[in-house]
N, C-alpha and C. Protein backbone atom coordinates (compact mmCIF):
# COMPACT_ATOMS: atom_id res chain seq x y z
N MET A 1 96.84 115.47 94.78
CA MET A 1 98.05 114.72 94.42
C MET A 1 98.98 114.62 95.61
N LYS A 2 99.64 113.48 95.69
CA LYS A 2 100.53 113.20 96.82
C LYS A 2 101.77 112.49 96.27
N HIS A 3 102.91 112.72 96.91
CA HIS A 3 104.16 112.04 96.53
C HIS A 3 104.58 111.12 97.67
N LEU A 4 104.88 109.87 97.32
CA LEU A 4 105.41 108.92 98.30
C LEU A 4 106.72 108.34 97.81
N ASP A 5 107.69 108.26 98.71
CA ASP A 5 108.90 107.48 98.49
C ASP A 5 108.66 106.14 99.17
N ILE A 6 108.77 105.06 98.42
CA ILE A 6 108.43 103.73 98.93
C ILE A 6 109.67 102.84 98.81
N THR A 7 110.04 102.20 99.90
CA THR A 7 111.12 101.21 99.87
C THR A 7 110.51 99.85 100.19
N VAL A 8 110.72 98.91 99.26
CA VAL A 8 110.16 97.56 99.43
C VAL A 8 111.32 96.62 99.72
N LYS A 9 111.19 95.87 100.83
CA LYS A 9 112.26 94.97 101.28
C LYS A 9 111.82 93.51 101.11
N GLY A 10 112.82 92.64 101.00
CA GLY A 10 112.54 91.21 100.86
C GLY A 10 113.18 90.67 99.59
N LYS A 11 112.62 89.57 99.08
CA LYS A 11 113.10 89.01 97.81
C LYS A 11 112.32 89.71 96.71
N VAL A 12 112.84 90.88 96.31
CA VAL A 12 112.10 91.73 95.37
C VAL A 12 112.93 92.09 94.13
N GLN A 13 114.11 91.49 94.01
CA GLN A 13 114.89 91.68 92.78
C GLN A 13 115.01 90.34 92.08
N GLY A 14 114.96 90.38 90.74
CA GLY A 14 115.04 89.15 89.96
C GLY A 14 113.73 88.40 89.91
N VAL A 15 112.63 89.06 90.29
CA VAL A 15 111.31 88.41 90.30
C VAL A 15 110.28 89.23 89.53
N SER A 16 110.75 90.09 88.63
CA SER A 16 109.88 90.96 87.81
C SER A 16 109.09 91.96 88.64
N PHE A 17 109.64 92.35 89.79
CA PHE A 17 108.93 93.32 90.65
C PHE A 17 108.79 94.67 89.96
N ARG A 18 109.88 95.14 89.33
CA ARG A 18 109.82 96.46 88.68
C ARG A 18 108.81 96.46 87.53
N ALA A 19 108.81 95.40 86.72
CA ALA A 19 107.85 95.32 85.60
C ALA A 19 106.42 95.27 86.12
N GLY A 20 106.21 94.53 87.20
CA GLY A 20 104.88 94.46 87.81
C GLY A 20 104.45 95.80 88.37
N ALA A 21 105.38 96.49 89.00
CA ALA A 21 105.08 97.81 89.56
C ALA A 21 104.68 98.77 88.45
N LYS A 22 105.38 98.71 87.32
CA LYS A 22 105.04 99.59 86.19
C LYS A 22 103.64 99.27 85.66
N ALA A 23 103.33 98.00 85.50
CA ALA A 23 102.02 97.60 84.98
C ALA A 23 100.90 98.11 85.89
N VAL A 24 101.07 97.93 87.19
CA VAL A 24 100.06 98.38 88.15
C VAL A 24 99.98 99.91 88.18
N ALA A 25 101.14 100.55 88.17
CA ALA A 25 101.17 102.02 88.18
C ALA A 25 100.46 102.58 86.94
N ASP A 26 100.75 102.00 85.79
CA ASP A 26 100.10 102.46 84.55
C ASP A 26 98.59 102.28 84.63
N GLN A 27 98.17 101.16 85.18
CA GLN A 27 96.74 100.87 85.34
C GLN A 27 96.05 101.88 86.25
N LEU A 28 96.74 102.27 87.32
CA LEU A 28 96.15 103.16 88.33
C LEU A 28 96.41 104.64 88.05
N GLY A 29 97.23 104.93 87.06
CA GLY A 29 97.55 106.33 86.78
C GLY A 29 98.58 106.91 87.74
N VAL A 30 99.40 106.03 88.33
CA VAL A 30 100.47 106.48 89.22
C VAL A 30 101.67 106.88 88.37
N ARG A 31 102.30 107.99 88.70
CA ARG A 31 103.47 108.45 87.96
C ARG A 31 104.69 108.44 88.87
N GLY A 32 105.89 108.28 88.27
CA GLY A 32 107.12 108.24 89.04
C GLY A 32 108.10 107.26 88.44
N PHE A 33 108.80 106.51 89.30
CA PHE A 33 109.75 105.52 88.79
C PHE A 33 109.99 104.44 89.83
N VAL A 34 110.57 103.33 89.36
CA VAL A 34 110.95 102.22 90.23
C VAL A 34 112.37 101.80 89.84
N LYS A 35 113.19 101.48 90.86
CA LYS A 35 114.55 101.04 90.58
C LYS A 35 115.03 100.08 91.66
N ASN A 36 115.97 99.22 91.27
CA ASN A 36 116.62 98.34 92.23
C ASN A 36 117.68 99.11 92.99
N GLU A 37 117.83 98.79 94.28
CA GLU A 37 118.87 99.39 95.10
C GLU A 37 120.00 98.36 95.27
N PRO A 38 121.24 98.83 95.47
CA PRO A 38 122.38 97.91 95.63
C PRO A 38 122.21 96.92 96.80
N ASN A 39 121.44 97.31 97.83
CA ASN A 39 121.29 96.43 99.00
C ASN A 39 120.19 95.38 98.83
N GLY A 40 119.57 95.32 97.64
CA GLY A 40 118.54 94.30 97.40
C GLY A 40 117.12 94.82 97.53
N ASP A 41 116.95 96.03 98.03
CA ASP A 41 115.62 96.64 98.12
C ASP A 41 115.19 97.15 96.75
N VAL A 42 113.92 97.51 96.64
CA VAL A 42 113.41 98.22 95.47
C VAL A 42 112.91 99.57 95.96
N PHE A 43 113.29 100.65 95.26
CA PHE A 43 112.84 101.99 95.61
C PHE A 43 111.85 102.48 94.56
N ILE A 44 110.75 103.07 95.04
CA ILE A 44 109.73 103.60 94.15
C ILE A 44 109.41 105.03 94.57
N ALA A 45 109.41 105.93 93.60
CA ALA A 45 108.88 107.27 93.79
C ALA A 45 107.53 107.27 93.09
N ALA A 46 106.46 107.57 93.82
CA ALA A 46 105.11 107.45 93.25
C ALA A 46 104.29 108.69 93.54
N GLU A 47 103.57 109.16 92.51
CA GLU A 47 102.67 110.30 92.66
C GLU A 47 101.32 109.99 92.04
N ALA A 48 100.28 110.27 92.81
CA ALA A 48 98.90 110.07 92.33
C ALA A 48 97.98 110.63 93.41
N ASP A 49 96.68 110.52 93.17
CA ASP A 49 95.78 110.92 94.25
C ASP A 49 95.81 109.84 95.32
N GLU A 50 95.34 110.20 96.50
CA GLU A 50 95.49 109.33 97.67
C GLU A 50 94.90 107.94 97.49
N MET A 51 93.72 107.86 96.87
CA MET A 51 93.06 106.57 96.68
C MET A 51 93.89 105.64 95.79
N MET A 52 94.44 106.19 94.70
CA MET A 52 95.24 105.37 93.78
C MET A 52 96.55 104.95 94.46
N LEU A 53 97.14 105.84 95.24
CA LEU A 53 98.37 105.48 95.97
C LEU A 53 98.10 104.36 96.97
N GLU A 54 96.94 104.41 97.63
CA GLU A 54 96.59 103.34 98.58
C GLU A 54 96.53 101.99 97.87
N MET A 55 95.88 101.96 96.69
CA MET A 55 95.79 100.71 95.93
C MET A 55 97.16 100.25 95.46
N PHE A 56 97.99 101.20 95.04
CA PHE A 56 99.35 100.87 94.61
C PHE A 56 100.15 100.30 95.77
N LEU A 57 100.02 100.91 96.95
CA LEU A 57 100.72 100.42 98.14
C LEU A 57 100.27 99.01 98.51
N GLU A 58 98.98 98.74 98.37
CA GLU A 58 98.48 97.38 98.64
C GLU A 58 99.22 96.38 97.76
N TRP A 59 99.37 96.74 96.47
CA TRP A 59 100.10 95.84 95.56
C TRP A 59 101.55 95.70 96.02
N CYS A 60 102.18 96.78 96.45
CA CYS A 60 103.58 96.73 96.89
C CYS A 60 103.78 95.75 98.04
N HIS A 61 102.78 95.61 98.90
CA HIS A 61 102.88 94.66 100.02
C HIS A 61 102.83 93.22 99.54
N GLU A 62 102.22 92.98 98.38
CA GLU A 62 102.15 91.63 97.80
C GLU A 62 103.29 91.43 96.81
N GLY A 63 103.43 92.37 95.89
CA GLY A 63 104.50 92.31 94.90
C GLY A 63 104.18 91.38 93.74
N ALA A 64 105.20 91.16 92.93
CA ALA A 64 105.09 90.27 91.78
C ALA A 64 104.90 88.83 92.25
N GLU A 65 104.55 87.97 91.32
CA GLU A 65 104.19 86.59 91.65
C GLU A 65 105.22 85.86 92.51
N HIS A 66 106.51 86.00 92.18
CA HIS A 66 107.54 85.25 92.91
C HIS A 66 108.25 86.08 93.99
N ALA A 67 107.76 87.28 94.21
CA ALA A 67 108.37 88.15 95.23
C ALA A 67 107.97 87.69 96.63
N VAL A 68 108.87 87.94 97.59
CA VAL A 68 108.57 87.72 99.00
C VAL A 68 108.83 89.05 99.71
N VAL A 69 107.77 89.82 99.91
CA VAL A 69 107.90 91.14 100.52
C VAL A 69 107.92 90.99 102.04
N THR A 70 108.99 91.50 102.66
CA THR A 70 109.10 91.41 104.12
C THR A 70 108.82 92.75 104.80
N GLY A 71 108.82 93.83 104.01
CA GLY A 71 108.53 95.13 104.60
C GLY A 71 108.37 96.20 103.54
N VAL A 72 107.54 97.20 103.86
CA VAL A 72 107.35 98.34 102.97
C VAL A 72 107.42 99.60 103.83
N GLU A 73 108.35 100.49 103.49
CA GLU A 73 108.49 101.76 104.21
C GLU A 73 108.04 102.89 103.28
N THR A 74 107.27 103.82 103.82
CA THR A 74 106.83 104.95 103.00
C THR A 74 107.14 106.27 103.70
N HIS A 75 107.47 107.25 102.90
CA HIS A 75 107.70 108.60 103.39
C HIS A 75 107.05 109.57 102.42
N GLU A 76 106.28 110.50 102.94
CA GLU A 76 105.66 111.49 102.08
C GLU A 76 106.72 112.53 101.70
N GLY A 77 106.70 112.95 100.44
CA GLY A 77 107.69 113.91 99.97
C GLY A 77 107.04 115.01 99.15
N GLU A 78 107.91 115.82 98.57
CA GLU A 78 107.45 116.95 97.76
C GLU A 78 107.08 116.47 96.35
N LEU A 79 105.99 117.00 95.80
CA LEU A 79 105.58 116.63 94.45
C LEU A 79 106.66 116.99 93.44
N LYS A 80 106.96 116.05 92.54
CA LYS A 80 107.95 116.27 91.49
C LYS A 80 107.26 116.41 90.12
N ASN A 81 105.96 116.13 90.06
CA ASN A 81 105.18 116.23 88.82
C ASN A 81 105.76 115.38 87.69
N TYR A 82 105.97 114.09 87.96
CA TYR A 82 106.44 113.17 86.93
C TYR A 82 105.39 113.08 85.82
N ARG A 83 105.85 112.81 84.61
CA ARG A 83 104.95 112.71 83.46
C ARG A 83 104.38 111.31 83.28
N ASN A 84 105.15 110.30 83.67
CA ASN A 84 104.70 108.90 83.51
C ASN A 84 105.42 108.05 84.56
N PHE A 85 105.33 106.74 84.42
CA PHE A 85 105.99 105.84 85.36
C PHE A 85 107.05 105.05 84.59
N GLU A 86 108.26 105.08 85.09
CA GLU A 86 109.36 104.43 84.37
C GLU A 86 110.10 103.41 85.23
N VAL A 87 110.62 102.40 84.55
CA VAL A 87 111.52 101.44 85.19
C VAL A 87 112.93 101.93 84.93
N VAL A 88 113.67 102.20 86.01
CA VAL A 88 115.06 102.65 85.86
C VAL A 88 115.95 101.41 85.81
N LYS A 89 116.62 101.25 84.69
CA LYS A 89 117.54 100.13 84.50
C LYS A 89 118.89 100.47 85.12
N LYS A 90 119.70 99.45 85.33
CA LYS A 90 121.06 99.68 85.83
C LYS A 90 121.84 100.51 84.83
N SER A 91 122.61 101.45 85.34
CA SER A 91 123.47 102.22 84.44
C SER A 91 124.73 101.39 84.17
N LEU A 92 125.21 101.46 82.95
CA LEU A 92 126.38 100.65 82.56
C LEU A 92 127.68 101.23 83.05
């Protein structure tokens, strides 16, 4: 198991990127969360085995259908042992 913090840059908000990330994560068995950042980026905390994370990262470079991904930054972090993958909505 490995933990990655992933920042996706580009036109990635308002294009169902978070919903797409959840669908792919659920399919691959990736656990963690995805959320929009105030600066327009999308942040993902992802945990899975290395092969599944590689496939998930491939998707992150493409993104949802209407997304325009201009960059993906990854940093390895400490395992948090998430139970599932969640979309974090804006707090009111």
